[in-house]
Every structure is written in C-alpha cells, then in structure tokens.
Amino acid sequence: MAEKEKKTIEIRGFLHLDKYLRKKFGTIPLIHKIEEAIKGAELAKILEIPLEEIEVIFVNGFVQALDHIIHPGDRVAFLPPGCPGPYRIALGFYGKNQNNEANFKIKRNTDYALDEI
C-alpha cells in the first residue's frame, strides 16, 4: 500500500447521503486524510452528518455499527435509515446498531401470554 493510502480513507454515501457528500465535498469517493484510527460516529461528526441520518456503515464491504473503529486505508460508506429490502437482516443491519435511534426495530407483540399460543 502506498504511503499516501495509509493516511487516508475512502468515503461514500448511499441514497441521500451520496448527494449530500457530493454537494459538500464535490467528489465521490471522498478521500479524507486521517492520522490515526477513528470511530464511525466521530467521522460522521467531522463530515457534519447527523447521527440520526445514519443507520449503519460499511467498512471494507462489511456492515458495522457507528462505534466501529475505522483505520487509515479503510473504505467507508454511510447508509441512511430506511434502506429497503430483505438484505437488511442478511447483511446484519438489525444486529449492528441496536443503540442507534435510526435503526429499524423489530416490534415484539407482548399482548398475549405464552400459554395462549
């Protein structure tokens, strides 16, 4: 890996976050310099993306929560809430970000007793 790549990350966004990043920074992928590891939520703050606009992040192609550590050389993409499809469970969206209010929550029906089933 070239020395320049070791001190940068490549950033993309999905859906409206792509449009936001293109408008704010003018290019996609955005190449952002970082000297040391950083959490996804910290990167969002630097890029001025509100946390409620992010459900999960992809880091090097894998779904991660916002507290995942991003290292120089990583590829990162921000995914907003509401991305449709059955891929949500298969890719791990549901399990990765339970503490994020933007995460889709499976509602549990507690209106019945187990012995009634």
C-alpha atoms as a PDB file:
ATOM      1  CA  MET A   1       0.000   0.000   0.000  1.00  0.00           C
ATOM      2  CA  ALA A   2       1.370   3.419  -0.920  1.00  0.00           C
ATOM      3  CA  GLU A   3       2.275   5.793   1.896  1.00  0.00           C
ATOM      4  CA  LYS A   4      -0.491   8.210   0.810  1.00  0.00           C
ATOM      5  CA  GLU A   5      -3.138   5.451   1.064  1.00  0.00           C
ATOM      6  CA  LYS A   6      -2.014   4.584   4.578  1.00  0.00           C
ATOM      7  CA  LYS A   7      -3.053   8.012   5.835  1.00  0.00           C
ATOM      8  CA  THR A   8      -6.386   8.335   4.057  1.00  0.00           C
ATOM      9  CA  ILE A   9      -9.796   6.703   3.949  1.00  0.00           C
ATOM     10  CA  GLU A  10     -12.173   6.480   1.020  1.00  0.00           C
ATOM     11  CA  ILE A  11     -15.727   7.648   1.833  1.00  0.00           C
ATOM     12  CA  ARG A  12     -19.044   7.171   0.057  1.00  0.00           C
ATOM     13  CA  GLY A  13     -22.703   7.561   0.951  1.00  0.00           C
ATOM     14  CA  PHE A  14     -25.855   5.738  -0.082  1.00  0.00           C
ATOM     15  CA  LEU A  15     -29.147   7.336  -1.144  1.00  0.00           C
ATOM     16  CA  HIS A  16     -29.418  10.981   0.010  1.00  0.00           C
ATOM     17  CA  LEU A  17     -26.074  10.799   1.837  1.00  0.00           C
ATOM     18  CA  ASP A  18     -24.359  10.376  -1.543  1.00  0.00           C
ATOM     19  CA  LYS A  19     -25.989  13.587  -2.756  1.00  0.00           C
ATOM     20  CA  TYR A  20     -25.008  15.377   0.467  1.00  0.00           C
ATOM     21  CA  LEU A  21     -21.346  14.324   0.201  1.00  0.00           C
ATOM     22  CA  ARG A  22     -21.168  15.259  -3.499  1.00  0.00           C
ATOM     23  CA  LYS A  23     -22.623  18.702  -2.801  1.00  0.00           C
ATOM     24  CA  LYS A  24     -20.456  19.388   0.269  1.00  0.00           C
ATOM     25  CA  PHE A  25     -17.140  17.975  -0.998  1.00  0.00           C
ATOM     26  CA  GLY A  26     -17.592  17.961  -4.778  1.00  0.00           C
ATOM     27  CA  THR A  27     -16.391  14.452  -5.475  1.00  0.00           C
ATOM     28  CA  ILE A  28     -17.100  10.807  -4.763  1.00  0.00           C
ATOM     29  CA  PRO A  29     -15.337   8.898  -3.466  1.00  0.00           C
ATOM     30  CA  LEU A  30     -14.205  11.450  -0.948  1.00  0.00           C
ATOM     31  CA  ILE A  31     -10.590  10.856   0.056  1.00  0.00           C
ATOM     32  CA  HIS A  32     -10.167  12.040   3.640  1.00  0.00           C
ATOM     33  CA  LYS A  33      -6.865  12.254   5.496  1.00  0.00           C
ATOM     34  CA  ILE A  34      -6.678  10.650   8.938  1.00  0.00           C
ATOM     35  CA  GLU A  35      -3.561  10.124  11.022  1.00  0.00           C
ATOM     36  CA  GLU A  36      -4.966   7.523  13.405  1.00  0.00           C
ATOM     37  CA  ALA A  37      -7.951   5.236  13.896  1.00  0.00           C
ATOM     38  CA  ILE A  38     -11.334   6.885  14.431  1.00  0.00           C
ATOM     39  CA  LYS A  39     -14.850   5.667  15.288  1.00  0.00           C
ATOM     40  CA  GLY A  40     -17.572   5.861  12.650  1.00  0.00           C
ATOM     41  CA  ALA A  41     -19.571   8.318  14.788  1.00  0.00           C
ATOM     42  CA  GLU A  42     -16.532  10.602  15.073  1.00  0.00           C
ATOM     43  CA  LEU A  43     -16.066  10.539  11.303  1.00  0.00           C
ATOM     44  CA  ALA A  44     -19.744  11.411  10.827  1.00  0.00           C
ATOM     45  CA  LYS A  45     -19.291  14.399  13.134  1.00  0.00           C
ATOM     46  CA  ILE A  46     -16.248  15.598  11.167  1.00  0.00           C
ATOM     47  CA  LEU A  47     -18.242  15.287   7.925  1.00  0.00           C
ATOM     48  CA  GLU A  48     -21.227  17.032   9.590  1.00  0.00           C
ATOM     49  CA  ILE A  49     -23.592  14.101   9.012  1.00  0.00           C
ATOM     50  CA  PRO A  50     -26.188  13.943  11.821  1.00  0.00           C
ATOM     51  CA  LEU A  51     -26.152  10.543  13.551  1.00  0.00           C
ATOM     52  CA  GLU A  52     -29.915  10.180  13.074  1.00  0.00           C
ATOM     53  CA  GLU A  53     -29.218  10.174   9.314  1.00  0.00           C
ATOM     54  CA  ILE A  54     -27.029   7.047   9.608  1.00  0.00           C
ATOM     55  CA  GLU A  55     -28.250   3.555  10.369  1.00  0.00           C
ATOM     56  CA  VAL A  56     -25.048   1.604   9.727  1.00  0.00           C
ATOM     57  CA  ILE A  57     -21.718   1.988   7.988  1.00  0.00           C
ATOM     58  CA  PHE A  58     -19.938  -0.301   5.594  1.00  0.00           C
ATOM     59  CA  VAL A  59     -16.240  -0.675   6.327  1.00  0.00           C
ATOM     60  CA  ASN A  60     -14.272  -2.545   3.683  1.00  0.00           C
ATOM     61  CA  GLY A  61     -17.526  -4.096   2.466  1.00  0.00           C
ATOM     62  CA  PHE A  62     -18.860  -5.301   5.823  1.00  0.00           C
ATOM     63  CA  VAL A  63     -21.769  -3.820   7.809  1.00  0.00           C
ATOM     64  CA  GLN A  64     -20.648  -2.222  11.065  1.00  0.00           C
ATOM     65  CA  ALA A  65     -22.136  -0.145  13.877  1.00  0.00           C
ATOM     66  CA  LEU A  66     -21.232   3.520  14.317  1.00  0.00           C
ATOM     67  CA  ASP A  67     -18.832   2.659  17.143  1.00  0.00           C
ATOM     68  CA  HIS A  68     -16.684   0.551  14.803  1.00  0.00           C
ATOM     69  CA  ILE A  69     -13.068   1.696  14.548  1.00  0.00           C
ATOM     70  CA  ILE A  70     -12.003   2.939  11.107  1.00  0.00           C
ATOM     71  CA  HIS A  71      -8.310   2.737  10.272  1.00  0.00           C
ATOM     72  CA  PRO A  72      -6.247   4.610   7.695  1.00  0.00           C
ATOM     73  CA  GLY A  73      -6.556   2.758   4.387  1.00  0.00           C
ATOM     74  CA  ASP A  74     -10.167   1.654   5.007  1.00  0.00           C
ATOM     75  CA  ARG A  75     -13.083   2.193   2.623  1.00  0.00           C
ATOM     76  CA  VAL A  76     -16.195   3.558   4.370  1.00  0.00           C
ATOM     77  CA  ALA A  77     -19.780   4.116   3.246  1.00  0.00           C
ATOM     78  CA  PHE A  78     -22.606   5.665   5.268  1.00  0.00           C
ATOM     79  CA  LEU A  79     -26.054   4.108   4.900  1.00  0.00           C
ATOM     80  CA  PRO A  80     -29.162   6.049   5.990  1.00  0.00           C
ATOM     81  CA  PRO A  81     -32.187   4.521   7.745  1.00  0.00           C
ATOM     82  CA  GLY A  82     -34.930   3.005   5.657  1.00  0.00           C
ATOM     83  CA  CYS A  83     -32.862   1.256   3.029  1.00  0.00           C
ATOM     84  CA  PRO A  84     -35.433  -1.259   1.742  1.00  0.00           C
ATOM     85  CA  GLY A  85     -35.310  -4.953   1.073  1.00  0.00           C
ATOM     86  CA  PRO A  86     -34.666  -8.325   2.650  1.00  0.00           C
ATOM     87  CA  TYR A  87     -30.964  -7.529   2.685  1.00  0.00           C
ATOM     88  CA  ARG A  88     -31.352  -5.678   5.976  1.00  0.00           C
ATOM     89  CA  ILE A  89     -31.299  -8.854   8.062  1.00  0.00           C
ATOM     90  CA  ALA A  90     -28.988 -10.826   5.747  1.00  0.00           C
ATOM     91  CA  LEU A  91     -26.303  -8.115   5.794  1.00  0.00           C
ATOM     92  CA  GLY A  92     -26.606  -7.596   9.541  1.00  0.00           C
ATOM     93  CA  PHE A  93     -28.160  -4.119   9.758  1.00  0.00           C
ATOM     94  CA  TYR A  94     -30.503  -5.144  12.569  1.00  0.00           C
ATOM     95  CA  GLY A  95     -27.885  -6.575  14.898  1.00  0.00           C
ATOM     96  CA  LYS A  96     -25.151  -3.984  14.374  1.00  0.00           C
ATOM     97  CA  ASN A  97     -26.755  -0.815  15.667  1.00  0.00           C
ATOM     98  CA  GLN A  98     -29.347  -1.522  18.338  1.00  0.00           C
ATOM     99  CA  ASN A  99     -28.451   1.603  20.339  1.00  0.00           C
ATOM    100  CA  ASN A 100     -28.940   3.929  17.370  1.00  0.00           C
ATOM    101  CA  GLU A 101     -32.397   5.518  17.233  1.00  0.00           C
ATOM    102  CA  ALA A 102     -32.154   5.497  13.423  1.00  0.00           C
ATOM    103  CA  ASN A 103     -32.007   1.688  13.394  1.00  0.00           C
ATOM    104  CA  PHE A 104     -35.101  -0.229  12.345  1.00  0.00           C
ATOM    105  CA  LYS A 105     -36.526  -2.057  15.362  1.00  0.00           C
ATOM    106  CA  ILE A 106     -38.459  -5.328  15.268  1.00  0.00           C
ATOM    107  CA  LYS A 107     -41.566  -4.838  17.354  1.00  0.00           C
ATOM    108  CA  ARG A 108     -42.458  -7.665  19.707  1.00  0.00           C
ATOM    109  CA  ASN A 109     -46.085  -8.413  20.484  1.00  0.00           C
ATOM    110  CA  THR A 110     -46.392  -8.673  24.258  1.00  0.00           C
ATOM    111  CA  ASP A 111     -50.183  -8.512  24.306  1.00  0.00           C
ATOM    112  CA  TYR A 112     -50.557 -12.260  24.750  1.00  0.00           C
ATOM    113  CA  ALA A 113     -49.324 -14.834  27.222  1.00  0.00           C
ATOM    114  CA  LEU A 114     -47.102 -17.664  26.048  1.00  0.00           C
ATOM    115  CA  ASP A 115     -49.571 -20.256  27.335  1.00  0.00           C
ATOM    116  CA  GLU A 116     -52.228 -18.870  24.936  1.00  0.00           C
ATOM    117  CA  ILE A 117     -50.218 -19.876  21.868  1.00  0.00           C
END
